[in-house]
Amino acid sequence: MYPWDGKNIYFMGFMASGKTAIGKQFSSMMNWPFYDTDNLIEKNAGKAISRIFADDGEENFRKIETDVIQQVAAKKHQVIALGGGAVIRDNNWNMITQSGITICLTAPVVVLANRIIQKNHRPLMADLNSRELLQKIENMLKERQPYYKRADYSFENGGELSVKEFTLAIFNTLRDDI
């Protein structure tokens, strides 16, 4: 019996930690569907996350996020990438842990900052210079760390491994944890 039998696999962690890339690769290995809650939120809201934040505020975004988590938690055998703040709400955490196992992905602050700069579409990081971005990441990580530490498994990759290699390492650790 594997840790994921009859469950979902949730990838959690800070923005740009690799949840979507690793989650897609993992779902391919498992032959399970992959969902990114941020994409589902945009689909449900009919607009980009940056527009939701700008038009409706973070609180409304979090309400939509909770609805999306409720939808995915109702099914089994899926790989799901969660938004970076999804696990902060107790209601979300309860739905996630009751329906699956959690894998937290981490990376050094500088690596996260470089990835965020490359993508440049994160509403919580908009209009920050490099120094402000590093400070914001450090502050947000400090706030979120207690929540991230609750994950069933945690893995750090600062970019030394390819997506495929890192995913395989995660898969092998979970597979061997019988």
C-alpha atoms as a PDB file:
ATOM      1  CA  MET A   1       0.000   0.000   0.000  1.00  0.00           C
ATOM      2  CA  TYR A   2       1.369   3.380  -1.011  1.00  0.00           C
ATOM      3  CA  PRO A   3       0.841   6.634   0.935  1.00  0.00           C
ATOM      4  CA  TRP A   4      -1.295   7.976  -1.920  1.00  0.00           C
ATOM      5  CA  ASP A   5      -3.705   5.035  -2.194  1.00  0.00           C
ATOM      6  CA  GLY A   6      -7.266   6.369  -2.296  1.00  0.00           C
ATOM      7  CA  LYS A   7      -6.085   9.950  -1.920  1.00  0.00           C
ATOM      8  CA  ASN A   8      -5.106  13.087  -3.771  1.00  0.00           C
ATOM      9  CA  ILE A   9      -1.558  14.388  -3.827  1.00  0.00           C
ATOM     10  CA  TYR A  10      -1.291  18.087  -2.993  1.00  0.00           C
ATOM     11  CA  PHE A  11       1.813  20.128  -3.773  1.00  0.00           C
ATOM     12  CA  MET A  12       2.098  23.155  -1.521  1.00  0.00           C
ATOM     13  CA  GLY A  13       4.692  25.813  -0.839  1.00  0.00           C
ATOM     14  CA  PHE A  14       5.617  29.381  -1.647  1.00  0.00           C
ATOM     15  CA  MET A  15       4.976  30.883  -5.059  1.00  0.00           C
ATOM     16  CA  ALA A  16       7.604  29.854  -7.626  1.00  0.00           C
ATOM     17  CA  SER A  17       8.663  26.821  -5.581  1.00  0.00           C
ATOM     18  CA  GLY A  18       7.883  24.528  -8.515  1.00  0.00           C
ATOM     19  CA  LYS A  19       4.466  23.203  -7.511  1.00  0.00           C
ATOM     20  CA  THR A  20       2.989  23.355 -11.013  1.00  0.00           C
ATOM     21  CA  ALA A  21       6.012  22.009 -12.894  1.00  0.00           C
ATOM     22  CA  ILE A  22       6.609  19.177 -10.414  1.00  0.00           C
ATOM     23  CA  GLY A  23       2.883  18.494 -10.067  1.00  0.00           C
ATOM     24  CA  LYS A  24       2.448  18.086 -13.834  1.00  0.00           C
ATOM     25  CA  GLN A  25       5.424  15.739 -14.028  1.00  0.00           C
ATOM     26  CA  PHE A  26       4.194  13.768 -11.000  1.00  0.00           C
ATOM     27  CA  SER A  27       0.694  13.417 -12.449  1.00  0.00           C
ATOM     28  CA  SER A  28       2.202  12.074 -15.649  1.00  0.00           C
ATOM     29  CA  MET A  29       4.137   9.455 -13.671  1.00  0.00           C
ATOM     30  CA  MET A  30       0.983   8.488 -11.773  1.00  0.00           C
ATOM     31  CA  ASN A  31      -1.276   8.693 -14.830  1.00  0.00           C
ATOM     32  CA  TRP A  32      -3.614  10.866 -12.760  1.00  0.00           C
ATOM     33  CA  PRO A  33      -5.185  14.188 -13.782  1.00  0.00           C
ATOM     34  CA  PHE A  34      -3.380  17.371 -12.764  1.00  0.00           C
ATOM     35  CA  TYR A  35      -5.060  20.530 -11.522  1.00  0.00           C
ATOM     36  CA  ASP A  36      -3.581  23.860 -10.532  1.00  0.00           C
ATOM     37  CA  THR A  37      -5.918  25.663  -8.147  1.00  0.00           C
ATOM     38  CA  ASP A  38      -4.791  29.047  -9.493  1.00  0.00           C
ATOM     39  CA  ASN A  39      -5.908  28.021 -12.991  1.00  0.00           C
ATOM     40  CA  LEU A  40      -9.222  26.724 -11.625  1.00  0.00           C
ATOM     41  CA  ILE A  41      -9.744  30.001  -9.745  1.00  0.00           C
ATOM     42  CA  GLU A  42      -9.199  31.974 -12.949  1.00  0.00           C
ATOM     43  CA  LYS A  43     -11.626  29.711 -14.790  1.00  0.00           C
ATOM     44  CA  ASN A  44     -14.284  30.042 -12.080  1.00  0.00           C
ATOM     45  CA  ALA A  45     -13.869  33.820 -11.810  1.00  0.00           C
ATOM     46  CA  GLY A  46     -13.571  34.389 -15.547  1.00  0.00           C
ATOM     47  CA  LYS A  47     -10.494  36.570 -15.103  1.00  0.00           C
ATOM     48  CA  ALA A  48      -6.820  36.453 -14.218  1.00  0.00           C
ATOM     49  CA  ILE A  49      -5.742  36.280 -10.593  1.00  0.00           C
ATOM     50  CA  SER A  50      -4.108  39.695 -10.914  1.00  0.00           C
ATOM     51  CA  ARG A  51      -7.524  41.106 -11.973  1.00  0.00           C
ATOM     52  CA  ILE A  52      -9.274  39.351  -9.075  1.00  0.00           C
ATOM     53  CA  PHE A  53      -6.821  40.970  -6.638  1.00  0.00           C
ATOM     54  CA  ALA A  54      -7.144  44.371  -8.322  1.00  0.00           C
ATOM     55  CA  ASP A  55     -10.936  44.336  -8.784  1.00  0.00           C
ATOM     56  CA  ASP A  56     -12.158  42.311  -5.820  1.00  0.00           C
ATOM     57  CA  GLY A  57      -9.308  42.140  -3.293  1.00  0.00           C
ATOM     58  CA  GLU A  58      -7.394  39.303  -1.683  1.00  0.00           C
ATOM     59  CA  GLU A  59     -10.274  38.290   0.611  1.00  0.00           C
ATOM     60  CA  ASN A  60     -12.571  37.574  -2.348  1.00  0.00           C
ATOM     61  CA  PHE A  61      -9.744  35.673  -4.037  1.00  0.00           C
ATOM     62  CA  ARG A  62      -9.378  33.512  -0.901  1.00  0.00           C
ATOM     63  CA  LYS A  63     -13.130  32.755  -0.904  1.00  0.00           C
ATOM     64  CA  ILE A  64     -12.947  31.550  -4.512  1.00  0.00           C
ATOM     65  CA  GLU A  65      -9.843  29.547  -3.602  1.00  0.00           C
ATOM     66  CA  THR A  66     -11.730  27.791  -0.797  1.00  0.00           C
ATOM     67  CA  ASP A  67     -14.561  26.907  -3.202  1.00  0.00           C
ATOM     68  CA  VAL A  68     -12.030  25.452  -5.657  1.00  0.00           C
ATOM     69  CA  ILE A  69     -10.321  23.407  -2.923  1.00  0.00           C
ATOM     70  CA  GLN A  70     -13.711  22.056  -1.878  1.00  0.00           C
ATOM     71  CA  GLN A  71     -14.336  20.962  -5.486  1.00  0.00           C
ATOM     72  CA  VAL A  72     -11.004  19.158  -5.921  1.00  0.00           C
ATOM     73  CA  ALA A  73     -11.107  17.628  -2.427  1.00  0.00           C
ATOM     74  CA  ALA A  74     -14.398  15.926  -3.316  1.00  0.00           C
ATOM     75  CA  LYS A  75     -12.585  13.634  -5.774  1.00  0.00           C
ATOM     76  CA  LYS A  76      -9.722  11.144  -5.482  1.00  0.00           C
ATOM     77  CA  HIS A  77      -6.605  10.211  -7.433  1.00  0.00           C
ATOM     78  CA  GLN A  78      -5.634  13.684  -8.614  1.00  0.00           C
ATOM     79  CA  VAL A  79      -2.432  15.687  -8.374  1.00  0.00           C
ATOM     80  CA  ILE A  80      -3.103  19.258  -7.308  1.00  0.00           C
ATOM     81  CA  ALA A  81      -0.834  22.309  -7.129  1.00  0.00           C
ATOM     82  CA  LEU A  82      -2.098  24.673  -4.454  1.00  0.00           C
ATOM     83  CA  GLY A  83      -1.609  28.418  -4.378  1.00  0.00           C
ATOM     84  CA  GLY A  84       1.060  29.568  -1.939  1.00  0.00           C
ATOM     85  CA  GLY A  85      -1.431  30.872   0.635  1.00  0.00           C
ATOM     86  CA  ALA A  86      -4.069  28.155   0.281  1.00  0.00           C
ATOM     87  CA  VAL A  87      -2.980  26.240   3.375  1.00  0.00           C
ATOM     88  CA  ILE A  88      -3.262  29.215   5.732  1.00  0.00           C
ATOM     89  CA  ARG A  89      -7.022  28.913   6.150  1.00  0.00           C
ATOM     90  CA  ASP A  90      -7.939  26.149   8.597  1.00  0.00           C
ATOM     91  CA  ASN A  91     -10.972  25.150   6.540  1.00  0.00           C
ATOM     92  CA  ASN A  92      -8.789  24.654   3.459  1.00  0.00           C
ATOM     93  CA  TRP A  93      -6.193  22.707   5.434  1.00  0.00           C
ATOM     94  CA  ASN A  94      -8.850  20.376   6.828  1.00  0.00           C
ATOM     95  CA  MET A  95     -10.269  19.642   3.365  1.00  0.00           C
ATOM     96  CA  ILE A  96      -6.775  19.081   1.957  1.00  0.00           C
ATOM     97  CA  THR A  97      -5.566  16.741   4.702  1.00  0.00           C
ATOM     98  CA  GLN A  98      -8.802  14.757   4.796  1.00  0.00           C
ATOM     99  CA  SER A  99      -8.616  14.082   1.066  1.00  0.00           C
ATOM    100  CA  GLY A 100      -4.915  13.647   0.420  1.00  0.00           C
ATOM    101  CA  ILE A 101      -1.263  13.806   1.311  1.00  0.00           C
ATOM    102  CA  THR A 102       0.685  17.038   1.289  1.00  0.00           C
ATOM    103  CA  ILE A 103       4.098  17.673  -0.206  1.00  0.00           C
ATOM    104  CA  CYS A 104       5.733  21.011   0.510  1.00  0.00           C
ATOM    105  CA  LEU A 105       8.262  22.263  -2.034  1.00  0.00           C
ATOM    106  CA  THR A 106      10.850  24.762  -0.886  1.00  0.00           C
ATOM    107  CA  ALA A 107      13.720  26.685  -2.429  1.00  0.00           C
ATOM    108  CA  PRO A 108      16.187  29.303  -1.161  1.00  0.00           C
ATOM    109  CA  VAL A 109      14.835  32.873  -1.066  1.00  0.00           C
ATOM    110  CA  VAL A 110      17.203  34.035  -3.836  1.00  0.00           C
ATOM    111  CA  VAL A 111      16.041  31.201  -6.111  1.00  0.00           C
ATOM    112  CA  LEU A 112      12.385  32.071  -5.434  1.00  0.00           C
ATOM    113  CA  ALA A 113      13.081  35.755  -6.169  1.00  0.00           C
ATOM    114  CA  ASN A 114      14.797  34.940  -9.469  1.00  0.00           C
ATOM    115  CA  ARG A 115      11.896  32.717 -10.534  1.00  0.00           C
ATOM    116  CA  ILE A 116       9.347  35.379  -9.577  1.00  0.00           C
ATOM    117  CA  ILE A 117      11.259  38.045 -11.510  1.00  0.00           C
ATOM    118  CA  GLN A 118      11.333  35.780 -14.581  1.00  0.00           C
ATOM    119  CA  LYS A 119       7.556  35.238 -14.519  1.00  0.00           C
ATOM    120  CA  ASN A 120       6.602  38.726 -13.290  1.00  0.00           C
ATOM    121  CA  HIS A 121       2.850  38.065 -12.981  1.00  0.00           C
ATOM    122  CA  ARG A 122       2.443  37.590  -9.240  1.00  0.00           C
ATOM    123  CA  PRO A 123      -0.043  40.121  -7.820  1.00  0.00           C
ATOM    124  CA  LEU A 124       1.431  40.060  -4.316  1.00  0.00           C
ATOM    125  CA  MET A 125       4.861  40.927  -5.752  1.00  0.00           C
ATOM    126  CA  ALA A 126       3.882  43.553  -8.308  1.00  0.00           C
ATOM    127  CA  ASP A 127       5.922  46.762  -8.570  1.00  0.00           C
ATOM    128  CA  LEU A 128       8.707  45.725  -6.181  1.00  0.00           C
ATOM    129  CA  ASN A 129      12.392  46.292  -6.842  1.00  0.00           C
ATOM    130  CA  SER A 130      14.863  43.469  -6.144  1.00  0.00           C
ATOM    131  CA  ARG A 131      15.579  44.482  -2.551  1.00  0.00           C
ATOM    132  CA  GLU A 132      11.886  44.935  -1.752  1.00  0.00           C
ATOM    133  CA  LEU A 133      11.089  41.619  -3.417  1.00  0.00           C
ATOM    134  CA  LEU A 134      13.623  39.733  -1.288  1.00  0.00           C
ATOM    135  CA  GLN A 135      12.288  41.410   1.868  1.00  0.00           C
ATOM    136  CA  LYS A 136       8.673  40.638   0.918  1.00  0.00           C
ATOM    137  CA  ILE A 137       9.509  36.966   0.246  1.00  0.00           C
ATOM    138  CA  GLU A 138      11.357  36.673   3.568  1.00  0.00           C
ATOM    139  CA  ASN A 139       8.437  38.274   5.446  1.00  0.00           C
ATOM    140  CA  MET A 140       5.809  36.122   3.746  1.00  0.00           C
ATOM    141  CA  LEU A 141       7.860  32.950   4.284  1.00  0.00           C
ATOM    142  CA  LYS A 142       8.222  33.808   7.963  1.00  0.00           C
ATOM    143  CA  GLU A 143       4.423  34.129   8.211  1.00  0.00           C
ATOM    144  CA  ARG A 144       3.698  30.980   6.212  1.00  0.00           C
ATOM    145  CA  GLN A 145       6.463  28.703   7.500  1.00  0.00           C
ATOM    146  CA  PRO A 146       4.404  27.282  10.390  1.00  0.00           C
ATOM    147  CA  TYR A 147       1.745  26.244   7.867  1.00  0.00           C
ATOM    148  CA  TYR A 148       4.221  24.795   5.390  1.00  0.00           C
ATOM    149  CA  LYS A 149       5.858  22.743   8.149  1.00  0.00           C
ATOM    150  CA  ARG A 150       2.605  20.810   8.622  1.00  0.00           C
ATOM    151  CA  ALA A 151       3.074  19.017   5.291  1.00  0.00           C
ATOM    152  CA  ASP A 152       3.404  15.241   5.278  1.00  0.00           C
ATOM    153  CA  TYR A 153       6.597  15.550   3.215  1.00  0.00           C
ATOM    154  CA  SER A 154       8.949  18.413   2.417  1.00  0.00           C
ATOM    155  CA  PHE A 155      11.536  18.704  -0.353  1.00  0.00           C
ATOM    156  CA  GLU A 156      13.954  21.496  -1.247  1.00  0.00           C
ATOM    157  CA  ASN A 157      15.386  22.060  -4.692  1.00  0.00           C
ATOM    158  CA  GLY A 158      17.432  25.115  -5.459  1.00  0.00           C
ATOM    159  CA  GLY A 159      17.617  24.205  -9.127  1.00  0.00           C
ATOM    160  CA  GLU A 160      20.350  21.577  -8.886  1.00  0.00           C
ATOM    161  CA  LEU A 161      18.029  18.915 -10.297  1.00  0.00           C
ATOM    162  CA  SER A 162      15.894  19.038 -13.414  1.00  0.00           C
ATOM    163  CA  VAL A 163      12.109  18.921 -12.987  1.00  0.00           C
ATOM    164  CA  LYS A 164      12.145  15.268 -14.029  1.00  0.00           C
ATOM    165  CA  GLU A 165      14.986  14.335 -11.623  1.00  0.00           C
ATOM    166  CA  PHE A 166      13.406  16.195  -8.719  1.00  0.00           C
ATOM    167  CA  THR A 167      10.000  14.642  -9.385  1.00  0.00           C
ATOM    168  CA  LEU A 168      11.532  11.174  -9.538  1.00  0.00           C
ATOM    169  CA  ALA A 169      13.285  11.766  -6.206  1.00  0.00           C
ATOM    170  CA  ILE A 170       9.963  12.770  -4.630  1.00  0.00           C
ATOM    171  CA  PHE A 171       8.169   9.796  -6.185  1.00  0.00           C
ATOM    172  CA  ASN A 172      10.826   7.353  -4.954  1.00  0.00           C
ATOM    173  CA  THR A 173      10.720   8.774  -1.418  1.00  0.00           C
ATOM    174  CA  LEU A 174       6.943   8.420  -1.244  1.00  0.00           C
ATOM    175  CA  ARG A 175       6.967   4.977  -2.875  1.00  0.00           C
ATOM    176  CA  ASP A 176       9.555   3.724  -0.387  1.00  0.00           C
ATOM    177  CA  ASP A 177       7.633   5.175   2.577  1.00  0.00           C
ATOM    178  CA  ILE A 178       5.356   2.176   2.982  1.00  0.00           C
END
